[in-house]
């Protein structure tokens, strides 16, 4: 079932391949609509996988990047106890650890998130490529199903983040 097919100035909703073909919609248009739909589905599941690695809320990922940058610079700059960055101090206040431990934990968490982003991107783009290369609708749907399953399997370990 294809949610939306746009053709000749009309929108067709909820059609099977056969129904769309019976309406005279060319196969290329039907397949393109299906590929776009499956690609959006893969993108949505990839977004959910990314979200599993950060706290809920807007721009939390940007906080991770900023905190990592501050912590990394502080560690590389000699760990001046009189110039602890705010992100490191916030971590100290939250978890009651030393400044160095806080900075190292921030960097490790951010690196874990970045590794997850790389894995998610690889599966997402690979899945979309497999969908677009598929020679049949069934193969395209199977490729999307496999990508979605792989993305759903990418989650942080219970004890992390």
Protein backbone atom coordinates (compact mmCIF):
# COMPACT_ATOMS: atom_id res chain seq x y z
CA UNK A 1 0.00 0.00 0.00
CA UNK A 2 1.45 3.34 -1.05
CA UNK A 3 0.26 6.22 1.09
CA UNK A 4 0.42 8.99 -1.55
CA UNK A 5 1.12 9.03 -5.26
CA UNK A 6 1.19 12.37 -7.06
CA UNK A 7 0.52 12.13 -10.78
CA UNK A 8 -0.84 14.47 -13.43
CA UNK A 9 -1.82 17.07 -10.85
CA UNK A 10 -3.74 14.60 -8.68
CA UNK A 11 -3.02 13.00 -5.34
CA UNK A 12 -3.90 9.32 -4.98
CA UNK A 13 -4.05 7.91 -1.46
CA UNK A 14 -3.69 4.38 -0.13
CA UNK A 15 -3.35 2.56 -3.41
CA UNK A 16 -1.73 -0.77 -4.03
CA UNK A 17 0.62 -1.10 -6.98
CA UNK A 18 -2.13 -2.84 -8.93
CA UNK A 19 -4.72 -0.15 -8.12
CA UNK A 20 -2.32 2.61 -9.14
CA UNK A 21 -1.49 0.83 -12.39
CA UNK A 22 -5.22 0.35 -13.08
CA UNK A 23 -5.65 4.14 -12.78
CA UNK A 24 -3.08 4.56 -15.54
CA UNK A 25 -0.27 5.77 -13.33
CA UNK A 26 3.03 4.80 -14.96
CA UNK A 27 5.16 2.20 -13.17
CA UNK A 28 8.06 4.65 -12.81
CA UNK A 29 5.81 7.10 -10.94
CA UNK A 30 4.45 4.34 -8.68
CA UNK A 31 7.92 3.01 -7.90
CA UNK A 32 9.27 6.51 -7.29
CA UNK A 33 6.43 7.23 -4.84
CA UNK A 34 7.06 3.94 -3.05
CA UNK A 35 10.82 4.59 -2.86
CA UNK A 36 10.21 8.07 -1.47
CA UNK A 37 7.79 6.69 1.09
CA UNK A 38 10.11 3.89 2.18
CA UNK A 39 13.00 6.35 2.35
CA UNK A 40 10.99 8.65 4.64
CA UNK A 41 10.11 5.66 6.82
CA UNK A 42 13.81 4.75 7.10
CA UNK A 43 14.67 8.38 7.94
CA UNK A 44 12.03 8.45 10.68
CA UNK A 45 13.30 5.26 12.29
CA UNK A 46 16.87 6.60 12.04
CA UNK A 47 15.70 9.71 13.89
CA UNK A 48 14.24 7.53 16.63
CA UNK A 49 17.51 5.60 16.87
CA UNK A 50 19.49 8.85 17.21
CA UNK A 51 17.07 10.13 19.85
CA UNK A 52 17.66 7.02 21.96
CA UNK A 53 21.24 8.18 22.56
CA UNK A 54 20.45 11.59 24.03
CA UNK A 55 18.18 12.92 26.72
CA UNK A 56 14.76 14.03 25.48
CA UNK A 57 14.32 17.64 24.43
CA UNK A 58 15.28 20.05 21.73
CA UNK A 59 18.94 20.68 20.91
CA UNK A 60 20.28 18.22 23.48
CA UNK A 61 22.63 16.92 20.79
CA UNK A 62 24.09 20.42 20.53
CA UNK A 63 24.71 20.39 24.28
CA UNK A 64 26.64 17.14 23.86
CA UNK A 65 28.82 18.73 21.19
CA UNK A 66 29.46 21.86 23.22
CA UNK A 67 30.21 19.92 26.39
CA UNK A 68 32.60 17.63 24.52
CA UNK A 69 34.39 20.59 22.97
CA UNK A 70 34.78 22.35 26.33
CA UNK A 71 35.86 19.18 28.15
CA UNK A 72 38.33 18.18 25.42
CA UNK A 73 39.89 21.64 25.32
CA UNK A 74 40.17 21.72 29.11
CA UNK A 75 41.81 18.29 29.21
CA UNK A 76 44.20 19.18 26.38
CA UNK A 77 44.96 22.57 27.92
CA UNK A 78 46.46 21.21 31.12
CA UNK A 79 43.37 20.77 33.34
CA UNK A 80 43.56 24.16 35.06
CA UNK A 81 41.45 23.75 38.21
CA UNK A 82 40.85 27.52 38.29
CA UNK A 83 39.32 27.53 34.80
CA UNK A 84 36.91 24.60 34.80
CA UNK A 85 34.41 24.99 31.94
CA UNK A 86 30.75 25.27 32.87
CA UNK A 87 29.84 21.97 31.21
CA UNK A 88 32.47 20.17 33.29
CA UNK A 89 31.35 21.98 36.45
CA UNK A 90 27.74 21.02 35.77
CA UNK A 91 28.82 17.38 35.48
CA UNK A 92 30.78 17.66 38.75
CA UNK A 93 27.73 19.13 40.50
CA UNK A 94 25.43 16.45 39.11
CA UNK A 95 27.57 13.38 39.74
CA UNK A 96 29.97 14.43 42.50
CA UNK A 97 33.11 13.42 40.62
CA UNK A 98 36.44 15.17 40.15
CA UNK A 99 36.90 17.70 37.36
CA UNK A 100 39.12 15.35 35.39
CA UNK A 101 36.69 12.45 35.79
CA UNK A 102 33.81 14.71 34.74
CA UNK A 103 35.66 15.87 31.63
CA UNK A 104 36.63 12.31 30.68
CA UNK A 105 33.05 11.08 31.19
CA UNK A 106 31.70 13.91 29.02
CA UNK A 107 34.15 13.10 26.23
CA UNK A 108 33.47 9.35 26.45
CA UNK A 109 29.70 9.88 26.33
CA UNK A 110 29.97 12.22 23.36
CA UNK A 111 32.25 9.80 21.52
CA UNK A 112 29.78 6.97 22.13
CA UNK A 113 27.03 9.18 20.68
CA UNK A 114 29.18 10.05 17.67
CA UNK A 115 29.91 6.38 17.00
CA UNK A 116 26.18 5.66 17.13
CA UNK A 117 25.54 8.51 14.69
CA UNK A 118 28.01 6.98 12.25
CA UNK A 119 26.40 3.55 12.52
CA UNK A 120 22.91 5.00 12.11
CA UNK A 121 23.96 7.03 9.08
CA UNK A 122 25.52 3.99 7.47
CA UNK A 123 22.42 1.83 7.96
CA UNK A 124 20.08 4.66 6.93
CA UNK A 125 21.86 5.48 3.69
CA UNK A 126 22.55 1.82 2.91
CA UNK A 127 18.88 1.02 3.40
CA UNK A 128 17.75 3.86 1.17
CA UNK A 129 20.25 2.79 -1.50
CA UNK A 130 19.00 -0.81 -1.32
CA UNK A 131 15.43 0.43 -1.70
CA UNK A 132 16.28 2.50 -4.74
CA UNK A 133 18.25 -0.36 -6.37
CA UNK A 134 15.52 -2.91 -5.77
CA UNK A 135 14.08 -4.33 -8.96
CA UNK A 136 10.66 -5.19 -7.55
CA UNK A 137 8.28 -3.64 -5.09
CA UNK A 138 8.65 -6.68 -2.86
CA UNK A 139 12.43 -6.31 -2.88
CA UNK A 140 12.16 -2.59 -2.07
CA UNK A 141 9.80 -3.30 0.82
CA UNK A 142 12.11 -6.05 2.08
CA UNK A 143 15.14 -3.75 1.89
CA UNK A 144 13.27 -1.11 3.89
CA UNK A 145 12.13 -3.70 6.42
CA UNK A 146 15.73 -4.86 6.91
CA UNK A 147 16.99 -1.29 7.32
CA UNK A 148 14.25 -0.51 9.84
CA UNK A 149 15.10 -3.65 11.84
CA UNK A 150 18.80 -2.79 11.81
CA UNK A 151 18.06 0.79 12.94
CA UNK A 152 15.76 -0.43 15.69
CA UNK A 153 18.60 -2.62 16.96
CA UNK A 154 20.94 0.36 17.41
CA UNK A 155 20.39 1.44 21.01
CA UNK A 156 22.69 2.51 23.82
CA UNK A 157 23.75 -0.05 26.39
CA UNK A 158 21.55 0.03 29.49
CA UNK A 159 24.33 1.40 31.68
CA UNK A 160 25.41 4.24 29.42
CA UNK A 161 24.42 7.78 28.71
